[in-house]
Amino acid sequence: KSSFVDVIFRNCDFSNSNFQNSYFNKCEF
């Protein structure tokens, strides 16, 4: 249930993490 707006994720590792019911707007992986 997290929210990410205007966020850049660069060279990150989120393996096996839980982002259920989350919101991403204008983001880059």
PDB file of all heavy atoms in Angstrom:
ATOM      1  N   LYS A   1       0.811  -1.221   0.000  1.00  0.00           N
ATOM      2  CA  LYS A   1       0.000   0.000   0.000  1.00  0.00           C
ATOM      3  C   LYS A   1       0.849   1.276   0.000  1.00  0.00           C
ATOM      4  O   LYS A   1       0.420   2.313   0.518  1.00  0.00           O
ATOM      5  CB  LYS A   1      -0.970   0.008   1.185  1.00  0.00           C
ATOM      6  CG  LYS A   1      -2.038  -1.070   1.099  1.00  0.00           C
ATOM      7  CD  LYS A   1      -3.059  -0.962   2.220  1.00  0.00           C
ATOM      8  CE  LYS A   1      -4.138  -2.035   2.067  1.00  0.00           C
ATOM      9  NZ  LYS A   1      -5.135  -1.961   3.166  1.00  0.00           N
ATOM     10  N   SER A   2       2.033   1.194  -0.588  1.00  0.00           N
ATOM     11  CA  SER A   2       2.890   2.370  -0.672  1.00  0.00           C
ATOM     12  C   SER A   2       2.608   3.177  -1.939  1.00  0.00           C
ATOM     13  O   SER A   2       1.982   2.680  -2.881  1.00  0.00           O
ATOM     14  CB  SER A   2       4.364   1.956  -0.638  1.00  0.00           C
ATOM     15  OG  SER A   2       4.711   1.408   0.618  1.00  0.00           O
ATOM     16  N   SER A   3       3.087   4.405  -1.954  1.00  0.00           N
ATOM     17  CA  SER A   3       2.889   5.293  -3.103  1.00  0.00           C
ATOM     18  C   SER A   3       4.221   5.912  -3.503  1.00  0.00           C
ATOM     19  O   SER A   3       4.973   6.409  -2.647  1.00  0.00           O
ATOM     20  CB  SER A   3       1.887   6.396  -2.742  1.00  0.00           C
ATOM     21  OG  SER A   3       1.783   7.346  -3.783  1.00  0.00           O
ATOM     22  N   PHE A   4       4.508   5.857  -4.825  1.00  0.00           N
ATOM     23  CA  PHE A   4       5.736   6.441  -5.348  1.00  0.00           C
ATOM     24  C   PHE A   4       5.382   7.324  -6.541  1.00  0.00           C
ATOM     25  O   PHE A   4       4.868   6.831  -7.551  1.00  0.00           O
ATOM     26  CB  PHE A   4       6.710   5.354  -5.776  1.00  0.00           C
ATOM     27  CG  PHE A   4       7.095   4.399  -4.676  1.00  0.00           C
ATOM     28  CD1 PHE A   4       6.392   3.226  -4.479  1.00  0.00           C
ATOM     29  CD2 PHE A   4       8.161   4.688  -3.830  1.00  0.00           C
ATOM     30  CE1 PHE A   4       6.729   2.348  -3.467  1.00  0.00           C
ATOM     31  CE2 PHE A   4       8.509   3.820  -2.812  1.00  0.00           C
ATOM     32  CZ  PHE A   4       7.795   2.649  -2.624  1.00  0.00           C
ATOM     33  N   VAL A   5       5.645   8.603  -6.429  1.00  0.00           N
ATOM     34  CA  VAL A   5       5.354   9.560  -7.507  1.00  0.00           C
ATOM     35  C   VAL A   5       6.637  10.324  -7.822  1.00  0.00           C
ATOM     36  O   VAL A   5       7.279  10.864  -6.916  1.00  0.00           O
ATOM     37  CB  VAL A   5       4.229  10.543  -7.100  1.00  0.00           C
ATOM     38  CG1 VAL A   5       3.982  11.551  -8.225  1.00  0.00           C
ATOM     39  CG2 VAL A   5       2.950   9.798  -6.761  1.00  0.00           C
ATOM     40  N   ASP A   6       7.005  10.350  -9.106  1.00  0.00           N
ATOM     41  CA  ASP A   6       8.251  11.023  -9.522  1.00  0.00           C
ATOM     42  C   ASP A   6       9.449  10.432  -8.778  1.00  0.00           C
ATOM     43  O   ASP A   6      10.191  11.145  -8.085  1.00  0.00           O
ATOM     44  CB  ASP A   6       8.164  12.537  -9.273  1.00  0.00           C
ATOM     45  CG  ASP A   6       7.131  13.220 -10.150  1.00  0.00           C
ATOM     46  OD1 ASP A   6       7.119  12.956 -11.360  1.00  0.00           O
ATOM     47  OD2 ASP A   6       6.322  14.004  -9.613  1.00  0.00           O
ATOM     48  N   VAL A   7       9.636   9.122  -8.922  1.00  0.00           N
ATOM     49  CA  VAL A   7      10.727   8.435  -8.232  1.00  0.00           C
ATOM     50  C   VAL A   7      11.552   7.625  -9.233  1.00  0.00           C
ATOM     51  O   VAL A   7      10.990   6.953 -10.113  1.00  0.00           O
ATOM     52  CB  VAL A   7      10.194   7.502  -7.121  1.00  0.00           C
ATOM     53  CG1 VAL A   7      11.345   6.722  -6.474  1.00  0.00           C
ATOM     54  CG2 VAL A   7       9.446   8.308  -6.056  1.00  0.00           C
ATOM     55  N   ILE A   8      12.874   7.690  -9.108  1.00  0.00           N
ATOM     56  CA  ILE A   8      13.776   6.886  -9.928  1.00  0.00           C
ATOM     57  C   ILE A   8      14.423   5.820  -9.052  1.00  0.00           C
ATOM     58  O   ILE A   8      15.007   6.124  -8.002  1.00  0.00           O
ATOM     59  CB  ILE A   8      14.873   7.760 -10.575  1.00  0.00           C
ATOM     60  CG1 ILE A   8      14.249   8.751 -11.561  1.00  0.00           C
ATOM     61  CG2 ILE A   8      15.902   6.886 -11.298  1.00  0.00           C
ATOM     62  CD1 ILE A   8      15.253   9.728 -12.163  1.00  0.00           C
ATOM     63  N   PHE A   9      14.290   4.559  -9.495  1.00  0.00           N
ATOM     64  CA  PHE A   9      14.975   3.444  -8.853  1.00  0.00           C
ATOM     65  C   PHE A   9      16.106   3.019  -9.791  1.00  0.00           C
ATOM     66  O   PHE A   9      15.849   2.530 -10.888  1.00  0.00           O
ATOM     67  CB  PHE A   9      14.023   2.269  -8.628  1.00  0.00           C
ATOM     68  CG  PHE A   9      12.763   2.628  -7.881  1.00  0.00           C
ATOM     69  CD1 PHE A   9      11.577   2.883  -8.563  1.00  0.00           C
ATOM     70  CD2 PHE A   9      12.758   2.717  -6.498  1.00  0.00           C
ATOM     71  CE1 PHE A   9      10.415   3.199  -7.885  1.00  0.00           C
ATOM     72  CE2 PHE A   9      11.597   3.040  -5.802  1.00  0.00           C
ATOM     73  CZ  PHE A   9      10.417   3.282  -6.494  1.00  0.00           C
ATOM     74  N   ARG A  10      17.346   3.204  -9.368  1.00  0.00           N
ATOM     75  CA  ARG A  10      18.483   2.912 -10.246  1.00  0.00           C
ATOM     76  C   ARG A  10      19.418   1.891  -9.571  1.00  0.00           C
ATOM     77  O   ARG A  10      19.877   2.091  -8.457  1.00  0.00           O
ATOM     78  CB  ARG A  10      19.253   4.190 -10.571  1.00  0.00           C
ATOM     79  CG  ARG A  10      20.402   3.981 -11.557  1.00  0.00           C
ATOM     80  CD  ARG A  10      21.175   5.264 -11.833  1.00  0.00           C
ATOM     81  NE  ARG A  10      20.377   6.252 -12.542  1.00  0.00           N
ATOM     82  CZ  ARG A  10      20.048   7.445 -12.046  1.00  0.00           C
ATOM     83  NH1 ARG A  10      20.435   7.792 -10.831  1.00  0.00           N
ATOM     84  NH2 ARG A  10      19.332   8.288 -12.767  1.00  0.00           N
ATOM     85  N   ASN A  11      19.661   0.778 -10.284  1.00  0.00           N
ATOM     86  CA  ASN A  11      20.549  -0.276  -9.762  1.00  0.00           C
ATOM     87  C   ASN A  11      20.123  -0.753  -8.371  1.00  0.00           C
ATOM     88  O   ASN A  11      20.951  -0.944  -7.471  1.00  0.00           O
ATOM     89  CB  ASN A  11      22.003   0.206  -9.707  1.00  0.00           C
ATOM     90  CG  ASN A  11      22.560   0.510 -11.086  1.00  0.00           C
ATOM     91  OD1 ASN A  11      22.427  -0.281 -12.004  1.00  0.00           O
ATOM     92  ND2 ASN A  11      23.176   1.678 -11.222  1.00  0.00           N
ATOM     93  N   CYS A  12      18.825  -0.934  -8.196  1.00  0.00           N
ATOM     94  CA  CYS A  12      18.296  -1.392  -6.913  1.00  0.00           C
ATOM     95  C   CYS A  12      17.843  -2.849  -6.992  1.00  0.00           C
ATOM     96  O   CYS A  12      17.494  -3.353  -8.056  1.00  0.00           O
ATOM     97  CB  CYS A  12      17.133  -0.513  -6.465  1.00  0.00           C
ATOM     98  SG  CYS A  12      17.613   1.172  -6.001  1.00  0.00           S
ATOM     99  N   ASP A  13      17.839  -3.513  -5.848  1.00  0.00           N
ATOM    100  CA  ASP A  13      17.409  -4.905  -5.740  1.00  0.00           C
ATOM    101  C   ASP A  13      16.241  -4.975  -4.752  1.00  0.00           C
ATOM    102  O   ASP A  13      16.408  -4.700  -3.560  1.00  0.00           O
ATOM    103  CB  ASP A  13      18.582  -5.767  -5.259  1.00  0.00           C
ATOM    104  CG  ASP A  13      18.269  -7.254  -5.276  1.00  0.00           C
ATOM    105  OD1 ASP A  13      17.095  -7.620  -5.433  1.00  0.00           O
ATOM    106  OD2 ASP A  13      19.215  -8.053  -5.126  1.00  0.00           O
ATOM    107  N   PHE A  14      15.063  -5.331  -5.275  1.00  0.00           N
ATOM    108  CA  PHE A  14      13.867  -5.465  -4.442  1.00  0.00           C
ATOM    109  C   PHE A  14      13.394  -6.918  -4.377  1.00  0.00           C
ATOM    110  O   PHE A  14      12.222  -7.179  -4.118  1.00  0.00           O
ATOM    111  CB  PHE A  14      12.735  -4.595  -5.001  1.00  0.00           C
ATOM    112  CG  PHE A  14      12.959  -3.121  -4.903  1.00  0.00           C
ATOM    113  CD1 PHE A  14      13.379  -2.397  -6.008  1.00  0.00           C
ATOM    114  CD2 PHE A  14      12.758  -2.451  -3.709  1.00  0.00           C
ATOM    115  CE1 PHE A  14      13.582  -1.029  -5.930  1.00  0.00           C
ATOM    116  CE2 PHE A  14      12.954  -1.083  -3.614  1.00  0.00           C
ATOM    117  CZ  PHE A  14      13.370  -0.364  -4.727  1.00  0.00           C
ATOM    118  N   SER A  15      14.273  -7.866  -4.577  1.00  0.00           N
ATOM    119  CA  SER A  15      13.889  -9.265  -4.707  1.00  0.00           C
ATOM    120  C   SER A  15      12.999  -9.729  -3.548  1.00  0.00           C
ATOM    121  O   SER A  15      13.286  -9.473  -2.378  1.00  0.00           O
ATOM    122  CB  SER A  15      15.135 -10.141  -4.783  1.00  0.00           C
ATOM    123  OG  SER A  15      15.842  -9.892  -5.988  1.00  0.00           O
ATOM    124  N   ASN A  16      11.896 -10.397  -3.939  1.00  0.00           N
ATOM    125  CA  ASN A  16      10.946 -11.004  -2.997  1.00  0.00           C
ATOM    126  C   ASN A  16      10.266 -10.002  -2.073  1.00  0.00           C
ATOM    127  O   ASN A  16       9.737 -10.381  -1.024  1.00  0.00           O
ATOM    128  CB  ASN A  16      11.637 -12.090  -2.162  1.00  0.00           C
ATOM    129  CG  ASN A  16      12.137 -13.229  -3.023  1.00  0.00           C
ATOM    130  OD1 ASN A  16      11.441 -13.706  -3.901  1.00  0.00           O
ATOM    131  ND2 ASN A  16      13.375 -13.651  -2.791  1.00  0.00           N
ATOM    132  N   SER A  17      10.253  -8.736  -2.455  1.00  0.00           N
ATOM    133  CA  SER A  17       9.580  -7.725  -1.638  1.00  0.00           C
ATOM    134  C   SER A  17       8.103  -7.614  -2.018  1.00  0.00           C
ATOM    135  O   SER A  17       7.691  -7.987  -3.116  1.00  0.00           O
ATOM    136  CB  SER A  17      10.271  -6.365  -1.774  1.00  0.00           C
ATOM    137  OG  SER A  17      11.533  -6.381  -1.143  1.00  0.00           O
ATOM    138  N   ASN A  18       7.320  -7.084  -1.103  1.00  0.00           N
ATOM    139  CA  ASN A  18       5.875  -6.998  -1.257  1.00  0.00           C
ATOM    140  C   ASN A  18       5.451  -5.566  -1.580  1.00  0.00           C
ATOM    141  O   ASN A  18       5.630  -4.660  -0.762  1.00  0.00           O
ATOM    142  CB  ASN A  18       5.197  -7.466   0.039  1.00  0.00           C
ATOM    143  CG  ASN A  18       3.681  -7.320  -0.003  1.00  0.00           C
ATOM    144  OD1 ASN A  18       3.082  -7.212  -1.074  1.00  0.00           O
ATOM    145  ND2 ASN A  18       3.053  -7.304   1.157  1.00  0.00           N
ATOM    146  N   PHE A  19       4.891  -5.372  -2.782  1.00  0.00           N
ATOM    147  CA  PHE A  19       4.342  -4.082  -3.197  1.00  0.00           C
ATOM    148  C   PHE A  19       2.853  -4.214  -3.511  1.00  0.00           C
ATOM    149  O   PHE A  19       2.315  -3.482  -4.340  1.00  0.00           O
ATOM    150  CB  PHE A  19       5.069  -3.560  -4.436  1.00  0.00           C
ATOM    151  CG  PHE A  19       6.460  -3.051  -4.184  1.00  0.00           C
ATOM    152  CD1 PHE A  19       7.548  -3.905  -4.267  1.00  0.00           C
ATOM    153  CD2 PHE A  19       6.700  -1.725  -3.870  1.00  0.00           C
ATOM    154  CE1 PHE A  19       8.846  -3.451  -4.052  1.00  0.00           C
ATOM    155  CE2 PHE A  19       7.993  -1.257  -3.656  1.00  0.00           C
ATOM    156  CZ  PHE A  19       9.056  -2.115  -3.743  1.00  0.00           C
ATOM    157  N   GLN A  20       2.169  -5.144  -2.868  1.00  0.00           N
ATOM    158  CA  GLN A  20       0.748  -5.311  -3.144  1.00  0.00           C
ATOM    159  C   GLN A  20      -0.019  -4.013  -2.904  1.00  0.00           C
ATOM    160  O   GLN A  20       0.260  -3.266  -1.970  1.00  0.00           O
ATOM    161  CB  GLN A  20       0.153  -6.404  -2.251  1.00  0.00           C
ATOM    162  CG  GLN A  20       0.548  -7.817  -2.630  1.00  0.00           C
ATOM    163  CD  GLN A  20      -0.276  -8.848  -1.898  1.00  0.00           C
ATOM    164  OE1 GLN A  20      -1.289  -8.537  -1.276  1.00  0.00           O
ATOM    165  NE2 GLN A  20       0.158 -10.097  -1.963  1.00  0.00           N
ATOM    166  N   ASN A  21      -0.993  -3.752  -3.803  1.00  0.00           N
ATOM    167  CA  ASN A  21      -1.880  -2.592  -3.661  1.00  0.00           C
ATOM    168  C   ASN A  21      -1.115  -1.267  -3.590  1.00  0.00           C
ATOM    169  O   ASN A  21      -1.529  -0.336  -2.893  1.00  0.00           O
ATOM    170  CB  ASN A  21      -2.759  -2.740  -2.410  1.00  0.00           C
ATOM    171  CG  ASN A  21      -3.578  -4.005  -2.429  1.00  0.00           C
ATOM    172  OD1 ASN A  21      -4.463  -4.172  -3.259  1.00  0.00           O
ATOM    173  ND2 ASN A  21      -3.274  -4.923  -1.514  1.00  0.00           N
ATOM    174  N   SER A  22      -0.001  -1.188  -4.314  1.00  0.00           N
ATOM    175  CA  SER A  22       0.801   0.035  -4.304  1.00  0.00           C
ATOM    176  C   SER A  22       0.548   0.875  -5.555  1.00  0.00           C
ATOM    177  O   SER A  22      -0.098   0.420  -6.510  1.00  0.00           O
ATOM    178  CB  SER A  22       2.293  -0.301  -4.181  1.00  0.00           C
ATOM    179  OG  SER A  22       2.582  -0.830  -2.905  1.00  0.00           O
ATOM    180  N   TYR A  23       1.076   2.078  -5.556  1.00  0.00           N
ATOM    181  CA  TYR A  23       0.823   3.048  -6.629  1.00  0.00           C
ATOM    182  C   TYR A  23       2.148   3.623  -7.110  1.00  0.00           C
ATOM    183  O   TYR A  23       2.970   4.092  -6.313  1.00  0.00           O
ATOM    184  CB  TYR A  23      -0.078   4.166  -6.088  1.00  0.00           C
ATOM    185  CG  TYR A  23      -0.391   5.266  -7.070  1.00  0.00           C
ATOM    186  CD1 TYR A  23      -1.324   5.073  -8.090  1.00  0.00           C
ATOM    187  CD2 TYR A  23       0.212   6.514  -6.957  1.00  0.00           C
ATOM    188  CE1 TYR A  23      -1.625   6.099  -8.981  1.00  0.00           C
ATOM    189  CE2 TYR A  23      -0.082   7.540  -7.839  1.00  0.00           C
ATOM    190  CZ  TYR A  23      -1.005   7.324  -8.852  1.00  0.00           C
ATOM    191  OH  TYR A  23      -1.297   8.339  -9.732  1.00  0.00           O
ATOM    192  N   PHE A  24       2.357   3.557  -8.431  1.00  0.00           N
ATOM    193  CA  PHE A  24       3.555   4.121  -9.057  1.00  0.00           C
ATOM    194  C   PHE A  24       3.118   5.076 -10.167  1.00  0.00           C
ATOM    195  O   PHE A  24       2.394   4.678 -11.080  1.00  0.00           O
ATOM    196  CB  PHE A  24       4.419   3.019  -9.666  1.00  0.00           C
ATOM    197  CG  PHE A  24       4.923   1.996  -8.691  1.00  0.00           C
ATOM    198  CD1 PHE A  24       4.147   0.904  -8.335  1.00  0.00           C
ATOM    199  CD2 PHE A  24       6.189   2.125  -8.127  1.00  0.00           C
ATOM    200  CE1 PHE A  24       4.607  -0.048  -7.441  1.00  0.00           C
ATOM    201  CE2 PHE A  24       6.672   1.179  -7.229  1.00  0.00           C
ATOM    202  CZ  PHE A  24       5.871   0.088  -6.880  1.00  0.00           C
ATOM    203  N   ASN A  25       3.574   6.310 -10.098  1.00  0.00           N
ATOM    204  CA  ASN A  25       3.229   7.296 -11.126  1.00  0.00           C
ATOM    205  C   ASN A  25       4.478   8.083 -11.494  1.00  0.00           C
ATOM    206  O   ASN A  25       5.151   8.638 -10.616  1.00  0.00           O
ATOM    207  CB  ASN A  25       2.139   8.239 -10.606  1.00  0.00           C
ATOM    208  CG  ASN A  25       1.570   9.134 -11.690  1.00  0.00           C
ATOM    209  OD1 ASN A  25       2.022   9.115 -12.843  1.00  0.00           O
ATOM    210  ND2 ASN A  25       0.581   9.933 -11.348  1.00  0.00           N
ATOM    211  N   LYS A  26       4.806   8.095 -12.791  1.00  0.00           N
ATOM    212  CA  LYS A  26       6.013   8.750 -13.299  1.00  0.00           C
ATOM    213  C   LYS A  26       7.260   8.238 -12.567  1.00  0.00           C
ATOM    214  O   LYS A  26       7.988   9.002 -11.934  1.00  0.00           O
ATOM    215  CB  LYS A  26       5.882  10.272 -13.179  1.00  0.00           C
ATOM    216  CG  LYS A  26       4.855  10.882 -14.137  1.00  0.00           C
ATOM    217  CD  LYS A  26       4.761  12.383 -13.983  1.00  0.00           C
ATOM    218  CE  LYS A  26       4.085  12.735 -12.674  1.00  0.00           C
ATOM    219  NZ  LYS A  26       3.964  14.210 -12.488  1.00  0.00           N
ATOM    220  N   CYS A  27       7.461   6.932 -12.685  1.00  0.00           N
ATOM    221  CA  CYS A  27       8.604   6.279 -12.040  1.00  0.00           C
ATOM    222  C   CYS A  27       9.455   5.571 -13.084  1.00  0.00           C
ATOM    223  O   CYS A  27       8.976   5.218 -14.164  1.00  0.00           O
ATOM    224  CB  CYS A  27       8.126   5.265 -10.999  1.00  0.00           C
ATOM    225  SG  CYS A  27       7.321   6.008  -9.551  1.00  0.00           S
ATOM    226  N   GLU A  28      10.727   5.357 -12.745  1.00  0.00           N
ATOM    227  CA  GLU A  28      11.646   4.635 -13.619  1.00  0.00           C
ATOM    228  C   GLU A  28      12.373   3.559 -12.830  1.00  0.00           C
ATOM    229  O   GLU A  28      12.905   3.823 -11.740  1.00  0.00           O
ATOM    230  CB  GLU A  28      12.667   5.586 -14.242  1.00  0.00           C
ATOM    231  CG  GLU A  28      12.061   6.598 -15.207  1.00  0.00           C
ATOM    232  CD  GLU A  28      13.099   7.510 -15.838  1.00  0.00           C
ATOM    233  OE1 GLU A  28      14.281   7.458 -15.409  1.00  0.00           O
ATOM    234  OE2 GLU A  28      12.743   8.278 -16.746  1.00  0.00           O
ATOM    235  N   PHE A  29      12.390   2.343 -13.392  1.00  0.00           N
ATOM    236  CA  PHE A  29      13.215   1.258 -12.867  1.00  0.00           C
ATOM    237  C   PHE A  29      14.355   1.052 -13.859  1.00  0.00           C
ATOM    238  O   PHE A  29      14.134   0.557 -14.975  1.00  0.00           O
ATOM    239  CB  PHE A  29      12.403  -0.027 -12.730  1.00  0.00           C
ATOM    240  CG  PHE A  29      11.359   0.009 -11.645  1.00  0.00           C
ATOM    241  CD1 PHE A  29      10.085   0.510 -11.904  1.00  0.00           C
ATOM    242  CD2 PHE A  29      11.642  -0.468 -10.373  1.00  0.00           C
ATOM    243  CE1 PHE A  29       9.119   0.537 -10.901  1.00  0.00           C
ATOM    244  CE2 PHE A  29      10.682  -0.446  -9.371  1.00  0.00           C
ATOM    245  CZ  PHE A  29       9.413   0.057  -9.642  1.00  0.00           C
TER     246      PHE A  29
END
